[in-house]
Amino acid sequence: MAVDAQDAGSQGALVRREKAKLRKVLRRFDLILFTACAIVGVESVAFAAQAGAQAITWLLISLVLFLVPYGMLVAELGSANRRGGVRPGR
């Protein structure tokens, strides 16, 4: 048991050193656009355009209704992770 605790401590120090090397490159707006592109895709926009302007309107409404709660979820998880509240499962 003492060996496991020692290994966990050394892994924690290694993780902290590796995290110190990382730079935050993507901003919130970038992540929102990546999510929107992953959800919508080029094919669904072309299909909606063929169906008419009504389909584009509903597509935009559904994106707003999905992305706002999704953004809140990502923000909450990000702040919990920054505080150390989220731990990976073993």
PDB file of N, CA and C in Angstrom:
ATOM      1  N   MET A   1       0.807  -1.190   0.000  1.00  0.00           N
ATOM      2  CA  MET A   1       0.000   0.000   0.000  1.00  0.00           C
ATOM      3  C   MET A   1       0.852   1.257   0.000  1.00  0.00           C
ATOM      4  N   ALA A   2       1.952   1.266   0.739  1.00  0.00           N
ATOM      5  CA  ALA A   2       2.814   2.436   0.798  1.00  0.00           C
ATOM      6  C   ALA A   2       3.454   2.690  -0.562  1.00  0.00           C
ATOM      7  N   VAL A   3       3.734   1.628  -1.293  1.00  0.00           N
ATOM      8  CA  VAL A   3       4.333   1.780  -2.617  1.00  0.00           C
ATOM      9  C   VAL A   3       3.332   2.447  -3.566  1.00  0.00           C
ATOM     10  N   ASP A   4       2.043   2.065  -3.489  1.00  0.00           N
ATOM     11  CA  ASP A   4       1.019   2.666  -4.340  1.00  0.00           C
ATOM     12  C   ASP A   4       0.880   4.159  -4.055  1.00  0.00           C
ATOM     13  N   ALA A   5       0.920   4.559  -2.798  1.00  0.00           N
ATOM     14  CA  ALA A   5       0.806   5.968  -2.449  1.00  0.00           C
ATOM     15  C   ALA A   5       2.009   6.744  -2.969  1.00  0.00           C
ATOM     16  N   GLN A   6       3.183   6.133  -2.915  1.00  0.00           N
ATOM     17  CA  GLN A   6       4.389   6.797  -3.403  1.00  0.00           C
ATOM     18  C   GLN A   6       4.329   6.961  -4.922  1.00  0.00           C
ATOM     19  N   ASP A   7       3.867   5.922  -5.623  1.00  0.00           N
ATOM     20  CA  ASP A   7       3.718   6.011  -7.078  1.00  0.00           C
ATOM     21  C   ASP A   7       2.704   7.078  -7.456  1.00  0.00           C
ATOM     22  N   ALA A   8       1.611   7.157  -6.711  1.00  0.00           N
ATOM     23  CA  ALA A   8       0.580   8.163  -6.996  1.00  0.00           C
ATOM     24  C   ALA A   8       1.138   9.560  -6.789  1.00  0.00           C
ATOM     25  N   GLY A   9       1.962   9.738  -5.764  1.00  0.00           N
ATOM     26  CA  GLY A   9       2.567  11.049  -5.518  1.00  0.00           C
ATOM     27  C   GLY A   9       3.526  11.444  -6.612  1.00  0.00           C
ATOM     28  N   SER A  10       4.329  10.502  -7.083  1.00  0.00           N
ATOM     29  CA  SER A  10       5.271  10.814  -8.157  1.00  0.00           C
ATOM     30  C   SER A  10       4.538  11.062  -9.469  1.00  0.00           C
ATOM     31  N   GLN A  11       3.430  10.358  -9.697  1.00  0.00           N
ATOM     32  CA  GLN A  11       2.638  10.604 -10.903  1.00  0.00           C
ATOM     33  C   GLN A  11       1.997  11.982 -10.847  1.00  0.00           C
ATOM     34  N   GLY A  12       1.562  12.379  -9.653  1.00  0.00           N
ATOM     35  CA  GLY A  12       0.964  13.705  -9.493  1.00  0.00           C
ATOM     36  C   GLY A  12       1.969  14.800  -9.810  1.00  0.00           C
ATOM     37  N   ALA A  13       3.214  14.623  -9.366  1.00  0.00           N
ATOM     38  CA  ALA A  13       4.253  15.610  -9.662  1.00  0.00           C
ATOM     39  C   ALA A  13       4.554  15.645 -11.159  1.00  0.00           C
ATOM     40  N   LEU A  14       4.555  14.472 -11.785  1.00  0.00           N
ATOM     41  CA  LEU A  14       4.789  14.405 -13.228  1.00  0.00           C
ATOM     42  C   LEU A  14       3.666  15.093 -13.991  1.00  0.00           C
ATOM     43  N   VAL A  15       2.435  14.872 -13.557  1.00  0.00           N
ATOM     44  CA  VAL A  15       1.292  15.505 -14.214  1.00  0.00           C
ATOM     45  C   VAL A  15       1.371  17.021 -14.065  1.00  0.00           C
ATOM     46  N   ARG A  16       1.727  17.510 -12.890  1.00  0.00           N
ATOM     47  CA  ARG A  16       1.844  18.954 -12.681  1.00  0.00           C
ATOM     48  C   ARG A  16       2.923  19.562 -13.575  1.00  0.00           C
ATOM     49  N   ARG A  17       4.053  18.873 -13.723  1.00  0.00           N
ATOM     50  CA  ARG A  17       5.114  19.385 -14.593  1.00  0.00           C
ATOM     51  C   ARG A  17       4.670  19.419 -16.047  1.00  0.00           C
ATOM     52  N   GLU A  18       3.962  18.388 -16.489  1.00  0.00           N
ATOM     53  CA  GLU A  18       3.499  18.352 -17.880  1.00  0.00           C
ATOM     54  C   GLU A  18       2.429  19.414 -18.120  1.00  0.00           C
ATOM     55  N   LYS A  19       1.546  19.641 -17.149  1.00  0.00           N
ATOM     56  CA  LYS A  19       0.518  20.670 -17.304  1.00  0.00           C
ATOM     57  C   LYS A  19       1.135  22.053 -17.389  1.00  0.00           C
ATOM     58  N   ALA A  20       2.246  22.256 -16.700  1.00  0.00           N
ATOM     59  CA  ALA A  20       2.914  23.559 -16.737  1.00  0.00           C
ATOM     60  C   ALA A  20       3.446  23.871 -18.134  1.00  0.00           C
ATOM     61  N   LYS A  21       3.730  22.853 -18.927  1.00  0.00           N
ATOM     62  CA  LYS A  21       4.247  23.043 -20.285  1.00  0.00           C
ATOM     63  C   LYS A  21       3.155  23.405 -21.284  1.00  0.00           C
ATOM     64  N   LEU A  22       1.890  23.081 -20.960  1.00  0.00           N
ATOM     65  CA  LEU A  22       0.800  23.288 -21.907  1.00  0.00           C
ATOM     66  C   LEU A  22       0.406  24.757 -21.996  1.00  0.00           C
ATOM     67  N   ARG A  23       0.000  25.160 -23.192  1.00  0.00           N
ATOM     68  CA  ARG A  23      -0.493  26.514 -23.406  1.00  0.00           C
ATOM     69  C   ARG A  23      -1.944  26.432 -23.826  1.00  0.00           C
ATOM     70  N   LYS A  24      -2.750  27.376 -23.370  1.00  0.00           N
ATOM     71  CA  LYS A  24      -4.152  27.434 -23.763  1.00  0.00           C
ATOM     72  C   LYS A  24      -4.239  28.204 -25.076  1.00  0.00           C
ATOM     73  N   VAL A  25      -4.559  27.503 -26.158  1.00  0.00           N
ATOM     74  CA  VAL A  25      -4.560  28.113 -27.480  1.00  0.00           C
ATOM     75  C   VAL A  25      -5.987  28.402 -27.947  1.00  0.00           C
ATOM     76  N   LEU A  26      -6.898  27.475 -27.729  1.00  0.00           N
ATOM     77  CA  LEU A  26      -8.266  27.647 -28.188  1.00  0.00           C
ATOM     78  C   LEU A  26      -9.049  28.481 -27.176  1.00  0.00           C
ATOM     79  N   ARG A  27      -9.828  29.390 -27.687  1.00  0.00           N
ATOM     80  CA  ARG A  27     -10.672  30.239 -26.847  1.00  0.00           C
ATOM     81  C   ARG A  27     -12.112  29.716 -26.899  1.00  0.00           C
ATOM     82  N   ARG A  28     -12.978  30.340 -26.127  1.00  0.00           N
ATOM     83  CA  ARG A  28     -14.378  29.915 -26.030  1.00  0.00           C
ATOM     84  C   ARG A  28     -15.069  29.968 -27.391  1.00  0.00           C
ATOM     85  N   PHE A  29     -14.860  31.050 -28.142  1.00  0.00           N
ATOM     86  CA  PHE A  29     -15.505  31.196 -29.443  1.00  0.00           C
ATOM     87  C   PHE A  29     -15.062  30.095 -30.400  1.00  0.00           C
ATOM     88  N   ASP A  30     -13.789  29.728 -30.360  1.00  0.00           N
ATOM     89  CA  ASP A  30     -13.279  28.633 -31.206  1.00  0.00           C
ATOM     90  C   ASP A  30     -13.984  27.317 -30.885  1.00  0.00           C
ATOM     91  N   LEU A  31     -14.143  27.033 -29.609  1.00  0.00           N
ATOM     92  CA  LEU A  31     -14.799  25.782 -29.211  1.00  0.00           C
ATOM     93  C   LEU A  31     -16.272  25.770 -29.597  1.00  0.00           C
ATOM     94  N   ILE A  32     -16.922  26.913 -29.505  1.00  0.00           N
ATOM     95  CA  ILE A  32     -18.330  26.990 -29.920  1.00  0.00           C
ATOM     96  C   ILE A  32     -18.454  26.706 -31.409  1.00  0.00           C
ATOM     97  N   LEU A  33     -17.575  27.291 -32.208  1.00  0.00           N
ATOM     98  CA  LEU A  33     -17.631  27.056 -33.655  1.00  0.00           C
ATOM     99  C   LEU A  33     -17.287  25.611 -34.010  1.00  0.00           C
ATOM    100  N   PHE A  34     -16.305  25.016 -33.320  1.00  0.00           N
ATOM    101  CA  PHE A  34     -15.993  23.606 -33.568  1.00  0.00           C
ATOM    102  C   PHE A  34     -17.191  22.720 -33.250  1.00  0.00           C
ATOM    103  N   THR A  35     -17.866  23.005 -32.161  1.00  0.00           N
ATOM    104  CA  THR A  35     -19.039  22.216 -31.780  1.00  0.00           C
ATOM    105  C   THR A  35     -20.155  22.380 -32.801  1.00  0.00           C
ATOM    106  N   ALA A  36     -20.395  23.603 -33.231  1.00  0.00           N
ATOM    107  CA  ALA A  36     -21.442  23.841 -34.226  1.00  0.00           C
ATOM    108  C   ALA A  36     -21.123  23.124 -35.534  1.00  0.00           C
ATOM    109  N   CYS A  37     -19.887  23.158 -35.955  1.00  0.00           N
ATOM    110  CA  CYS A  37     -19.504  22.469 -37.192  1.00  0.00           C
ATOM    111  C   CYS A  37     -19.647  20.959 -37.055  1.00  0.00           C
ATOM    112  N   ALA A  38     -19.325  20.429 -35.897  1.00  0.00           N
ATOM    113  CA  ALA A  38     -19.453  18.988 -35.693  1.00  0.00           C
ATOM    114  C   ALA A  38     -20.915  18.560 -35.693  1.00  0.00           C
ATOM    115  N   ILE A  39     -21.782  19.401 -35.167  1.00  0.00           N
ATOM    116  CA  ILE A  39     -23.205  19.057 -35.095  1.00  0.00           C
ATOM    117  C   ILE A  39     -23.870  19.223 -36.453  1.00  0.00           C
ATOM    118  N   VAL A  40     -23.624  20.339 -37.096  1.00  0.00           N
ATOM    119  CA  VAL A  40     -24.339  20.661 -38.328  1.00  0.00           C
ATOM    120  C   VAL A  40     -23.755  19.926 -39.522  1.00  0.00           C
ATOM    121  N   GLY A  41     -22.498  20.161 -39.807  1.00  0.00           N
ATOM    122  CA  GLY A  41     -21.882  19.529 -40.970  1.00  0.00           C
ATOM    123  C   GLY A  41     -22.368  20.155 -42.268  1.00  0.00           C
ATOM    124  N   VAL A  42     -21.596  19.991 -43.285  1.00  0.00           N
ATOM    125  CA  VAL A  42     -21.920  20.589 -44.581  1.00  0.00           C
ATOM    126  C   VAL A  42     -23.131  19.908 -45.214  1.00  0.00           C
ATOM    127  N   GLU A  43     -23.254  18.613 -45.026  1.00  0.00           N
ATOM    128  CA  GLU A  43     -24.354  17.892 -45.677  1.00  0.00           C
ATOM    129  C   GLU A  43     -25.717  18.321 -45.165  1.00  0.00           C
ATOM    130  N   SER A  44     -25.836  18.532 -43.864  1.00  0.00           N
ATOM    131  CA  SER A  44     -27.141  18.909 -43.322  1.00  0.00           C
ATOM    132  C   SER A  44     -27.512  20.336 -43.718  1.00  0.00           C
ATOM    133  N   VAL A  45     -26.524  21.223 -43.878  1.00  0.00           N
ATOM    134  CA  VAL A  45     -26.827  22.579 -44.323  1.00  0.00           C
ATOM    135  C   VAL A  45     -27.324  22.556 -45.761  1.00  0.00           C
ATOM    136  N   ALA A  46     -26.698  21.747 -46.615  1.00  0.00           N
ATOM    137  CA  ALA A  46     -27.145  21.641 -48.002  1.00  0.00           C
ATOM    138  C   ALA A  46     -28.561  21.071 -48.079  1.00  0.00           C
ATOM    139  N   PHE A  47     -28.856  20.075 -47.262  1.00  0.00           N
ATOM    140  CA  PHE A  47     -30.207  19.506 -47.244  1.00  0.00           C
ATOM    141  C   PHE A  47     -31.220  20.529 -46.752  1.00  0.00           C
ATOM    142  N   ALA A  48     -30.862  21.282 -45.722  1.00  0.00           N
ATOM    143  CA  ALA A  48     -31.768  22.294 -45.194  1.00  0.00           C
ATOM    144  C   ALA A  48     -31.986  23.411 -46.213  1.00  0.00           C
ATOM    145  N   ALA A  49     -30.946  23.771 -46.948  1.00  0.00           N
ATOM    146  CA  ALA A  49     -31.093  24.807 -47.966  1.00  0.00           C
ATOM    147  C   ALA A  49     -32.009  24.334 -49.095  1.00  0.00           C
ATOM    148  N   GLN A  50     -31.934  23.064 -49.410  1.00  0.00           N
ATOM    149  CA  GLN A  50     -32.807  22.515 -50.444  1.00  0.00           C
ATOM    150  C   GLN A  50     -34.254  22.498 -49.964  1.00  0.00           C
ATOM    151  N   ALA A  51     -34.465  22.269 -48.671  1.00  0.00           N
ATOM    152  CA  ALA A  51     -35.817  22.229 -48.119  1.00  0.00           C
ATOM    153  C   ALA A  51     -36.425  23.612 -48.020  1.00  0.00           C
ATOM    154  N   GLY A  52     -35.611  24.659 -47.962  1.00  0.00           N
ATOM    155  CA  GLY A  52     -36.146  26.017 -47.930  1.00  0.00           C
ATOM    156  C   GLY A  52     -35.644  26.803 -46.733  1.00  0.00           C
ATOM    157  N   ALA A  53     -36.017  28.072 -46.714  1.00  0.00           N
ATOM    158  CA  ALA A  53     -35.549  28.986 -45.668  1.00  0.00           C
ATOM    159  C   ALA A  53     -36.087  28.587 -44.294  1.00  0.00           C
ATOM    160  N   GLN A  54     -37.233  27.965 -44.262  1.00  0.00           N
ATOM    161  CA  GLN A  54     -37.813  27.538 -42.983  1.00  0.00           C
ATOM    162  C   GLN A  54     -36.895  26.539 -42.286  1.00  0.00           C
ATOM    163  N   ALA A  55     -36.283  25.655 -43.038  1.00  0.00           N
ATOM    164  CA  ALA A  55     -35.389  24.661 -42.441  1.00  0.00           C
ATOM    165  C   ALA A  55     -34.142  25.332 -41.845  1.00  0.00           C
ATOM    166  N   ILE A  56     -33.627  26.350 -42.520  1.00  0.00           N
ATOM    167  CA  ILE A  56     -32.471  27.085 -41.994  1.00  0.00           C
ATOM    168  C   ILE A  56     -32.848  27.786 -40.689  1.00  0.00           C
ATOM    169  N   THR A  57     -34.038  28.373 -40.648  1.00  0.00           N
ATOM    170  CA  THR A  57     -34.494  29.045 -39.427  1.00  0.00           C
ATOM    171  C   THR A  57     -34.578  28.073 -38.271  1.00  0.00           C
ATOM    172  N   TRP A  58     -35.193  26.932 -38.482  1.00  0.00           N
ATOM    173  CA  TRP A  58     -35.302  25.943 -37.402  1.00  0.00           C
ATOM    174  C   TRP A  58     -33.950  25.360 -37.034  1.00  0.00           C
ATOM    175  N   LEU A  59     -33.069  25.249 -37.995  1.00  0.00           N
ATOM    176  CA  LEU A  59     -31.717  24.778 -37.710  1.00  0.00           C
ATOM    177  C   LEU A  59     -30.995  25.760 -36.790  1.00  0.00           C
ATOM    178  N   LEU A  60     -31.110  27.046 -37.067  1.00  0.00           N
ATOM    179  CA  LEU A  60     -30.485  28.059 -36.214  1.00  0.00           C
ATOM    180  C   LEU A  60     -31.106  28.082 -34.818  1.00  0.00           C
ATOM    181  N   ILE A  61     -32.416  27.948 -34.747  1.00  0.00           N
ATOM    182  CA  ILE A  61     -33.088  27.913 -33.435  1.00  0.00           C
ATOM    183  C   ILE A  61     -32.631  26.701 -32.637  1.00  0.00           C
ATOM    184  N   SER A  62     -32.543  25.558 -33.278  1.00  0.00           N
ATOM    185  CA  SER A  62     -32.111  24.357 -32.558  1.00  0.00           C
ATOM    186  C   SER A  62     -30.649  24.456 -32.130  1.00  0.00           C
ATOM    187  N   LEU A  63     -29.811  25.102 -32.941  1.00  0.00           N
ATOM    188  CA  LEU A  63     -28.420  25.308 -32.539  1.00  0.00           C
ATOM    189  C   LEU A  63     -28.325  26.176 -31.293  1.00  0.00           C
ATOM    190  N   VAL A  64     -29.108  27.246 -31.252  1.00  0.00           N
ATOM    191  CA  VAL A  64     -29.084  28.131 -30.083  1.00  0.00           C
ATOM    192  C   VAL A  64     -29.600  27.391 -28.857  1.00  0.00           C
ATOM    193  N   LEU A  65     -30.679  26.648 -29.022  1.00  0.00           N
ATOM    194  CA  LEU A  65     -31.243  25.932 -27.876  1.00  0.00           C
ATOM    195  C   LEU A  65     -30.348  24.794 -27.407  1.00  0.00           C
ATOM    196  N   PHE A  66     -29.503  24.284 -28.276  1.00  0.00           N
ATOM    197  CA  PHE A  66     -28.575  23.235 -27.868  1.00  0.00           C
ATOM    198  C   PHE A  66     -27.262  23.813 -27.358  1.00  0.00           C
ATOM    199  N   LEU A  67     -26.730  24.823 -28.050  1.00  0.00           N
ATOM    200  CA  LEU A  67     -25.403  25.325 -27.703  1.00  0.00           C
ATOM    201  C   LEU A  67     -25.372  26.105 -26.395  1.00  0.00           C
ATOM    202  N   VAL A  68     -26.444  26.774 -26.033  1.00  0.00           N
ATOM    203  CA  VAL A  68     -26.443  27.517 -24.767  1.00  0.00           C
ATOM    204  C   VAL A  68     -26.320  26.561 -23.583  1.00  0.00           C
ATOM    205  N   PRO A  69     -27.168  25.520 -23.453  1.00  0.00           N
ATOM    206  CA  PRO A  69     -26.964  24.581 -22.341  1.00  0.00           C
ATOM    207  C   PRO A  69     -25.645  23.822 -22.444  1.00  0.00           C
ATOM    208  N   TYR A  70     -25.224  23.506 -23.659  1.00  0.00           N
ATOM    209  CA  TYR A  70     -23.962  22.807 -23.844  1.00  0.00           C
ATOM    210  C   TYR A  70     -22.793  23.682 -23.389  1.00  0.00           C
ATOM    211  N   GLY A  71     -22.843  24.964 -23.718  1.00  0.00           N
ATOM    212  CA  GLY A  71     -21.812  25.896 -23.271  1.00  0.00           C
ATOM    213  C   GLY A  71     -21.776  26.022 -21.756  1.00  0.00           C
ATOM    214  N   MET A  72     -22.949  26.038 -21.126  1.00  0.00           N
ATOM    215  CA  MET A  72     -23.008  26.090 -19.661  1.00  0.00           C
ATOM    216  C   MET A  72     -22.402  24.834 -19.050  1.00  0.00           C
ATOM    217  N   LEU A  73     -22.688  23.702 -19.657  1.00  0.00           N
ATOM    218  CA  LEU A  73     -22.139  22.437 -19.164  1.00  0.00           C
ATOM    219  C   LEU A  73     -20.617  22.422 -19.275  1.00  0.00           C
ATOM    220  N   VAL A  74     -20.096  22.848 -20.406  1.00  0.00           N
ATOM    221  CA  VAL A  74     -18.646  22.871 -20.598  1.00  0.00           C
ATOM    222  C   VAL A  74     -17.998  23.859 -19.633  1.00  0.00           C
ATOM    223  N   ALA A  75     -18.625  25.014 -19.425  1.00  0.00           N
ATOM    224  CA  ALA A  75     -18.070  25.993 -18.488  1.00  0.00           C
ATOM    225  C   ALA A  75     -18.052  25.447 -17.066  1.00  0.00           C
ATOM    226  N   GLU A  76     -19.120  24.766 -16.670  1.00  0.00           N
ATOM    227  CA  GLU A  76     -19.178  24.207 -15.317  1.00  0.00           C
ATOM    228  C   GLU A  76     -18.134  23.108 -15.130  1.00  0.00           C
ATOM    229  N   LEU A  77     -17.996  22.246 -16.124  1.00  0.00           N
ATOM    230  CA  LEU A  77     -16.989  21.190 -16.017  1.00  0.00           C
ATOM    231  C   LEU A  77     -15.577  21.765 -16.032  1.00  0.00           C
ATOM    232  N   GLY A  78     -15.363  22.805 -16.822  1.00  0.00           N
ATOM    233  CA  GLY A  78     -14.056  23.435 -16.859  1.00  0.00           C
ATOM    234  C   GLY A  78     -13.692  24.080 -15.531  1.00  0.00           C
ATOM    235  N   SER A  79     -14.652  24.755 -14.909  1.00  0.00           N
ATOM    236  CA  SER A  79     -14.355  25.375 -13.624  1.00  0.00           C
ATOM    237  C   SER A  79     -14.183  24.331 -12.535  1.00  0.00           C
ATOM    238  N   ALA A  80     -14.942  23.248 -12.604  1.00  0.00           N
ATOM    239  CA  ALA A  80     -14.774  22.178 -11.611  1.00  0.00           C
ATOM    240  C   ALA A  80     -13.424  21.497 -11.787  1.00  0.00           C
ATOM    241  N   ASN A  81     -12.984  21.350 -13.015  1.00  0.00           N
ATOM    242  CA  ASN A  81     -11.690  20.724 -13.278  1.00  0.00           C
ATOM    243  C   ASN A  81     -10.554  21.633 -12.807  1.00  0.00           C
ATOM    244  N   ARG A  82     -10.700  22.934 -12.979  1.00  0.00           N
ATOM    245  CA  ARG A  82      -9.685  23.879 -12.548  1.00  0.00           C
ATOM    246  C   ARG A  82      -9.539  23.858 -11.027  1.00  0.00           C
ATOM    247  N   ARG A  83     -10.652  23.656 -10.319  1.00  0.00           N
ATOM    248  CA  ARG A  83     -10.610  23.606  -8.863  1.00  0.00           C
ATOM    249  C   ARG A  83     -10.168  22.240  -8.355  1.00  0.00           C
ATOM    250  N   GLY A  84     -10.094  21.263  -9.229  1.00  0.00           N
ATOM    251  CA  GLY A  84      -9.702  19.927  -8.820  1.00  0.00           C
ATOM    252  C   GLY A  84     -10.881  19.079  -8.392  1.00  0.00           C
ATOM    253  N   GLY A  85     -12.096  19.454  -8.783  1.00  0.00           N
ATOM    254  CA  GLY A  85     -13.290  18.725  -8.357  1.00  0.00           C
ATOM    255  C   GLY A  85     -13.596  17.501  -9.199  1.00  0.00           C
ATOM    256  N   VAL A  86     -13.096  17.437 -10.416  1.00  0.00           N
ATOM    257  CA  VAL A  86     -13.373  16.308 -11.292  1.00  0.00           C
ATOM    258  C   VAL A  86     -12.146  15.421 -11.328  1.00  0.00           C
ATOM    259  N   ARG A  87     -12.333  14.172 -11.009  1.00  0.00           N
ATOM    260  CA  ARG A  87     -11.216  13.228 -11.023  1.00  0.00           C
ATOM    261  C   ARG A  87     -11.535  12.091 -11.982  1.00  0.00           C
ATOM    262  N   PRO A  88     -10.544  11.648 -12.738  1.00  0.00           N
ATOM    263  CA  PRO A  88     -10.795  10.524 -13.651  1.00  0.00           C
ATOM    264  C   PRO A  88     -11.070   9.246 -12.880  1.00  0.00           C
ATOM    265  N   GLY A  89     -11.924   8.400 -13.448  1.00  0.00           N
ATOM    266  CA  GLY A  89     -12.249   7.124 -12.819  1.00  0.00           C
ATOM    267  C   GLY A  89     -11.071   6.163 -12.858  1.00  0.00           C
ATOM    268  N   ARG A  90     -11.063   5.262 -11.916  1.00  0.00           N
ATOM    269  CA  ARG A  90      -9.969   4.278 -11.882  1.00  0.00           C
ATOM    270  C   ARG A  90     -10.427   2.958 -12.376  1.00  0.00           C
TER     271      ARG A  90
END
